[in-house]
Amino acid sequence: MTGYGSASREFEWGTVTFELNSVNHRYQDFVAKLPRELAVLESRLVVAMRSLITRGKVRLTADIAWNPGARTPSIDEEGLVSLVRNLQEIAVKNNLEVQLDLTKFLNLPGICEAKNLVEADDAGDIQDVWTELLAQAAKSLKDMKKLEGDKLYAVILKDLIEFERINKFLAERWAVSRDDALESLRTRIETVTDHFALELDEARVAQEVSLMSDRWDVSEEIARLNSHIERFHQTMDGDEPAGRRLDFLIQEMNREINTMGSKVADAEFRWGIVEAKSCLERIREQVQNVE
């Protein structure tokens, strides 16, 4: 389900903002894009997102608004002085004239380094700070999803009620088309036997008609559809994430509809099958957006 959420926290050195952007996806697909100062947290935050968000393609981005002077690096004065003295001793020992420019040594590892925000913050357990900030952003994301979810619920419910109406029509039409098909079959049998002057074995005819009617029968499919529709309502009205279960129910309902369409040749019944498929496809498209 699409959505956006954000959360910010102030520190002595600046303000960090976490932003979560979510788009439709059948599974969990999470990625974090963090500034260099927070890069060490990437794997930890992705794991935390998996426990906070159940479904979707989610992108976490972090932004740091630095306070004045916060990014001034610290210089290892003792290390720099020791290095310079060693160079001077080497120059004197080898009769060399060397003009030392201290700025050239600042790029050496360990001489001039920026503050490690993740380890140097004094706000308690720093790992909990970032997890709590992510949780706040996730809550903001879920609040926005809830608003979209309410709208999706209304759209899906409308199509589901329409599908119930079509299924009821199919059940009623089947009762009519079944009787018509059996009567048509009996008429054809009588026509053939009369044309060729054959003796009609009523028991054998009844047996064959019974076997053929079993192959035409869709009462079980209609009953299972009613059961799937009821479970669909229950799942939609539940409090747990329902996207995958609804998607599975749509697949099962499509299976029953396809089976019914392959069994019955009645024109009105088959037109109802077309309408049912169209309705299920609209529901399926919306269900892909449900978490």
Protein backbone atom coordinates (compact mmCIF):
# COMPACT_ATOMS: atom_id res chain seq x y z
CA MET A 1 0.00 0.00 0.00
CA THR A 2 1.35 3.45 -0.84
CA GLY A 3 2.13 5.82 1.99
CA TYR A 4 4.57 8.29 3.53
CA GLY A 5 5.75 8.81 7.09
CA SER A 6 8.44 10.83 8.80
CA ALA A 7 9.87 11.55 12.24
CA SER A 8 12.60 13.90 13.51
CA ARG A 9 14.81 14.15 16.59
CA GLU A 10 17.09 16.94 17.76
CA PHE A 11 20.62 16.35 19.07
CA GLU A 12 23.37 18.70 20.24
CA TRP A 13 24.96 18.56 16.82
CA GLY A 14 21.83 18.83 14.67
CA THR A 15 18.48 17.31 13.70
CA VAL A 16 17.98 13.89 12.12
CA THR A 17 14.86 13.16 10.05
CA PHE A 18 13.79 9.68 9.01
CA GLU A 19 11.43 9.41 6.01
CA LEU A 20 9.61 6.24 4.90
CA ASN A 21 8.10 5.91 1.42
CA SER A 22 6.00 2.83 0.66
CA VAL A 23 4.62 1.57 -2.66
CA ASN A 24 2.63 -1.55 -3.54
CA HIS A 25 4.41 -4.88 -3.33
CA ARG A 26 3.30 -8.43 -2.60
CA TYR A 27 6.15 -9.09 -0.15
CA GLN A 28 8.66 -7.24 2.05
CA ASP A 29 11.18 -5.26 0.02
CA PHE A 30 13.08 -2.81 2.22
CA VAL A 31 16.03 -0.56 1.46
CA ALA A 32 17.77 2.14 3.51
CA LYS A 33 19.62 5.14 2.10
CA LEU A 34 21.61 6.79 4.89
CA PRO A 35 24.28 9.51 5.06
CA ARG A 36 27.85 8.40 5.70
CA GLU A 37 27.64 9.26 9.40
CA LEU A 38 24.76 6.79 9.91
CA ALA A 39 25.74 4.12 7.38
CA VAL A 40 26.73 1.68 10.13
CA LEU A 41 23.05 1.52 11.15
CA GLU A 42 21.73 0.29 7.79
CA SER A 43 21.43 -3.43 8.55
CA ARG A 44 19.99 -2.78 12.02
CA LEU A 45 17.31 -0.43 10.67
CA VAL A 46 16.32 -2.81 7.85
CA VAL A 47 15.80 -5.57 10.42
CA ALA A 48 13.72 -3.18 12.53
CA MET A 49 11.58 -2.27 9.50
CA ARG A 50 10.75 -5.93 8.95
CA SER A 51 9.23 -6.11 12.42
CA LEU A 52 7.33 -2.82 12.04
CA ILE A 53 5.96 -3.15 8.48
CA THR A 54 4.47 -6.39 7.19
CA ARG A 55 4.20 -5.77 3.44
CA GLY A 56 5.29 -3.35 0.73
CA LYS A 57 8.31 -1.90 -1.04
CA VAL A 58 9.61 0.56 1.53
CA ARG A 59 12.47 3.02 1.21
CA LEU A 60 14.03 4.62 4.30
CA THR A 61 16.00 7.83 3.85
CA ALA A 62 17.72 9.90 6.54
CA ASP A 63 18.67 13.55 6.46
CA ILE A 64 20.88 15.49 8.89
CA ALA A 65 20.49 19.23 9.44
CA TRP A 66 23.77 20.20 11.08
CA ASN A 67 24.06 22.85 13.77
CA PRO A 68 26.76 25.55 13.23
CA GLY A 69 30.20 24.16 14.01
CA ALA A 70 28.93 20.63 14.53
CA ARG A 71 30.92 19.23 11.65
CA THR A 72 34.24 20.73 12.75
CA PRO A 73 36.58 17.73 12.93
CA SER A 74 38.79 16.97 15.94
CA ILE A 75 42.58 17.00 15.56
CA ASP A 76 44.83 14.54 17.35
CA GLU A 77 47.23 17.18 18.57
CA GLU A 78 49.52 14.76 20.38
CA GLY A 79 49.77 12.52 17.33
CA LEU A 80 50.44 15.45 14.99
CA VAL A 81 53.18 16.90 17.22
CA SER A 82 54.82 13.48 17.58
CA LEU A 83 54.81 13.01 13.79
CA VAL A 84 56.34 16.43 13.15
CA ARG A 85 59.10 15.87 15.73
CA ASN A 86 59.97 12.54 14.19
CA LEU A 87 60.25 14.17 10.76
CA GLN A 88 62.44 16.92 12.16
CA GLU A 89 64.75 14.38 13.82
CA ILE A 90 65.09 12.48 10.56
CA ALA A 91 65.88 15.74 8.71
CA VAL A 92 68.59 16.74 11.23
CA LYS A 93 70.07 13.26 11.26
CA ASN A 94 70.41 13.25 7.47
CA ASN A 95 71.40 16.91 7.05
CA LEU A 96 68.20 17.74 5.23
CA GLU A 97 66.45 21.07 5.06
CA VAL A 98 62.73 20.52 5.41
CA GLN A 99 59.96 23.12 5.63
CA LEU A 100 57.03 21.47 7.31
CA ASP A 101 53.48 22.47 6.31
CA LEU A 102 51.20 21.12 9.03
CA THR A 103 48.10 21.26 6.83
CA LYS A 104 49.56 18.51 4.63
CA PHE A 105 49.37 16.07 7.53
CA LEU A 106 45.69 16.57 8.24
CA ASN A 107 44.65 14.02 5.61
CA LEU A 108 46.62 11.25 7.25
CA PRO A 109 44.49 8.57 8.98
CA GLY A 110 43.88 9.29 12.63
CA ILE A 111 45.14 12.91 12.58
CA CYS A 112 41.91 14.73 11.71
CA GLU A 113 38.61 12.89 12.06
CA ALA A 114 34.94 13.82 12.18
CA LYS A 115 32.87 12.95 15.24
CA ASN A 116 31.17 9.54 15.13
CA LEU A 117 27.54 10.46 15.77
CA VAL A 118 26.37 6.91 16.40
CA GLU A 119 28.87 6.25 19.19
CA ALA A 120 29.43 9.72 20.62
CA ASP A 121 25.85 10.78 21.39
CA ASP A 122 25.07 11.04 25.12
CA ALA A 123 21.28 10.51 24.93
CA GLY A 124 21.38 7.09 26.62
CA ASP A 125 21.46 3.88 24.60
CA ILE A 126 22.10 5.30 21.14
CA GLN A 127 20.84 2.19 19.36
CA ASP A 128 17.43 2.59 21.04
CA VAL A 129 17.36 6.23 19.90
CA TRP A 130 17.48 5.27 16.22
CA THR A 131 15.03 2.39 16.65
CA GLU A 132 12.54 4.66 18.43
CA LEU A 133 12.90 7.29 15.70
CA LEU A 134 12.22 4.63 13.05
CA ALA A 135 9.18 3.42 14.99
CA GLN A 136 7.78 6.97 15.05
CA ALA A 137 8.24 7.25 11.28
CA ALA A 138 6.58 3.83 10.80
CA LYS A 139 3.59 4.94 12.89
CA SER A 140 3.26 8.05 10.73
CA LEU A 141 3.38 5.81 7.64
CA LYS A 142 0.72 3.47 9.04
CA ASP A 143 -1.59 6.39 9.90
CA MET A 144 -1.49 7.49 6.27
CA LYS A 145 -2.04 3.90 5.11
CA LYS A 146 -5.06 3.68 7.41
CA LEU A 147 -6.70 6.60 5.60
CA GLU A 148 -6.04 4.98 2.22
CA GLY A 149 -7.17 1.62 3.58
CA ASP A 150 -10.57 3.00 4.56
CA LYS A 151 -11.09 4.14 0.97
CA LEU A 152 -9.92 0.80 -0.42
CA TYR A 153 -12.31 -1.01 1.91
CA ALA A 154 -15.28 0.86 0.48
CA VAL A 155 -14.23 0.17 -3.12
CA ILE A 156 -13.58 -3.56 -2.53
CA LEU A 157 -16.79 -3.99 -0.53
CA LYS A 158 -18.83 -2.49 -3.37
CA ASP A 159 -17.37 -4.95 -5.90
CA LEU A 160 -17.72 -7.86 -3.47
CA ILE A 161 -21.43 -7.14 -3.02
CA GLU A 162 -21.76 -7.06 -6.81
CA PHE A 163 -19.99 -10.42 -7.01
CA GLU A 164 -22.42 -11.86 -4.45
CA ARG A 165 -25.29 -10.70 -6.65
CA ILE A 166 -23.75 -12.38 -9.71
CA ASN A 167 -23.19 -15.61 -7.80
CA LYS A 168 -26.82 -15.61 -6.72
CA PHE A 169 -27.87 -15.09 -10.35
CA LEU A 170 -25.65 -18.01 -11.43
CA ALA A 171 -27.26 -20.26 -8.83
CA GLU A 172 -30.75 -19.34 -10.02
CA ARG A 173 -29.82 -19.60 -13.69
CA TRP A 174 -28.20 -22.99 -13.14
CA ALA A 175 -31.47 -24.43 -11.82
CA VAL A 176 -33.20 -23.34 -15.04
CA SER A 177 -30.43 -24.28 -17.47
CA ARG A 178 -29.97 -27.69 -15.83
CA ASP A 179 -33.61 -28.63 -16.40
CA ASP A 180 -33.52 -27.29 -19.94
CA ALA A 181 -30.33 -29.22 -20.72
CA LEU A 182 -31.74 -32.49 -19.39
CA GLU A 183 -34.98 -32.08 -21.30
CA SER A 184 -33.05 -31.23 -24.46
CA LEU A 185 -30.91 -34.33 -24.00
CA ARG A 186 -33.95 -36.58 -23.55
CA THR A 187 -35.58 -35.07 -26.66
CA ARG A 188 -32.48 -35.76 -28.77
CA ILE A 189 -32.33 -39.33 -27.54
CA GLU A 190 -35.98 -39.91 -28.43
CA THR A 191 -35.47 -38.34 -31.86
CA VAL A 192 -32.55 -40.65 -32.64
CA THR A 193 -34.35 -43.77 -31.42
CA ASP A 194 -37.48 -42.90 -33.41
CA HIS A 195 -35.47 -42.16 -36.56
CA PHE A 196 -33.64 -45.47 -36.47
CA ALA A 197 -36.54 -47.42 -34.95
CA LEU A 198 -34.48 -48.43 -31.94
CA GLU A 199 -35.84 -49.85 -28.75
CA LEU A 200 -35.40 -47.43 -25.82
CA ASP A 201 -34.08 -48.84 -22.56
CA GLU A 202 -35.48 -46.36 -20.03
CA ALA A 203 -33.22 -47.57 -17.22
CA ARG A 204 -30.09 -47.20 -19.37
CA VAL A 205 -31.18 -43.76 -20.58
CA ALA A 206 -31.84 -42.64 -17.02
CA GLN A 207 -28.39 -43.86 -15.99
CA GLU A 208 -26.62 -42.02 -18.81
CA VAL A 209 -28.58 -38.84 -18.20
CA SER A 210 -27.70 -39.04 -14.52
CA LEU A 211 -23.99 -39.40 -15.31
CA MET A 212 -24.05 -36.47 -17.72
CA SER A 213 -25.94 -34.29 -15.24
CA ASP A 214 -23.21 -34.95 -12.66
CA ARG A 215 -20.63 -33.62 -15.10
CA TRP A 216 -22.74 -30.50 -15.64
CA ASP A 217 -23.51 -29.93 -11.98
CA VAL A 218 -22.03 -26.73 -10.45
CA SER A 219 -23.85 -26.76 -7.13
CA GLU A 220 -20.63 -27.59 -5.27
CA GLU A 221 -18.77 -24.71 -6.91
CA ILE A 222 -21.58 -22.31 -6.02
CA ALA A 223 -21.53 -23.51 -2.40
CA ARG A 224 -17.76 -23.06 -2.18
CA LEU A 225 -18.06 -19.58 -3.67
CA ASN A 226 -20.55 -18.65 -0.96
CA SER A 227 -18.09 -19.93 1.64
CA HIS A 228 -15.20 -17.95 0.09
CA ILE A 229 -17.32 -14.78 0.02
CA GLU A 230 -18.18 -15.17 3.69
CA ARG A 231 -14.52 -15.71 4.60
CA PHE A 232 -13.56 -12.69 2.47
CA HIS A 233 -15.92 -10.51 4.54
CA GLN A 234 -14.49 -11.86 7.79
CA THR A 235 -10.90 -11.27 6.67
CA MET A 236 -11.65 -7.71 5.55
CA ASP A 237 -13.27 -6.91 8.90
CA GLY A 238 -10.42 -8.41 10.95
CA ASP A 239 -7.64 -6.48 12.69
CA GLU A 240 -4.69 -8.43 11.27
CA PRO A 241 -2.84 -7.71 7.98
CA ALA A 242 -5.04 -9.34 5.35
CA GLY A 243 -3.51 -8.67 1.93
CA ARG A 244 -2.06 -12.13 1.29
CA ARG A 245 -5.12 -13.98 2.55
CA LEU A 246 -7.43 -11.87 0.42
CA ASP A 247 -5.20 -12.49 -2.58
CA PHE A 248 -5.40 -16.24 -1.95
CA LEU A 249 -9.21 -16.12 -1.63
CA ILE A 250 -9.44 -14.28 -4.95
CA GLN A 251 -7.41 -17.06 -6.60
CA GLU A 252 -9.75 -19.71 -5.17
CA MET A 253 -12.84 -17.81 -6.28
CA ASN A 254 -11.42 -17.47 -9.79
CA ARG A 255 -10.78 -21.20 -9.83
CA GLU A 256 -14.42 -21.98 -9.02
CA ILE A 257 -15.70 -19.51 -11.61
CA ASN A 258 -13.49 -21.01 -14.33
CA THR A 259 -14.70 -24.52 -13.46
CA MET A 260 -18.33 -23.42 -13.67
CA GLY A 261 -17.74 -21.78 -17.02
CA SER A 262 -16.26 -24.99 -18.44
CA LYS A 263 -19.24 -27.09 -17.32
CA VAL A 264 -22.27 -25.08 -18.44
CA ALA A 265 -23.02 -24.09 -22.05
CA ASP A 266 -26.10 -21.96 -21.35
CA ALA A 267 -25.64 -18.51 -22.93
CA GLU A 268 -27.11 -16.52 -20.02
CA PHE A 269 -25.08 -18.51 -17.50
CA ARG A 270 -21.85 -17.99 -19.41
CA TRP A 271 -22.51 -14.25 -19.66
CA GLY A 272 -22.84 -14.25 -15.86
CA ILE A 273 -19.44 -16.00 -15.72
CA VAL A 274 -17.92 -13.18 -17.79
CA GLU A 275 -19.36 -10.57 -15.41
CA ALA A 276 -18.10 -12.53 -12.40
CA LYS A 277 -14.55 -12.67 -13.82
CA SER A 278 -14.60 -8.96 -14.53
CA CYS A 279 -15.75 -8.23 -10.99
CA LEU A 280 -13.08 -10.49 -9.45
CA GLU A 281 -10.37 -8.82 -11.54
CA ARG A 282 -11.37 -5.40 -10.16
CA ILE A 283 -11.21 -6.78 -6.63
CA ARG A 284 -7.86 -8.46 -7.30
CA GLU A 285 -6.31 -5.19 -8.51
CA GLN A 286 -7.40 -3.43 -5.33
CA VAL A 287 -6.30 -6.30 -3.08
CA GLN A 288 -2.72 -5.86 -4.39
CA ASN A 289 -2.75 -2.53 -2.54
CA VAL A 290 -3.78 -4.04 0.79
CA GLU A 291 -1.11 -4.74 3.39
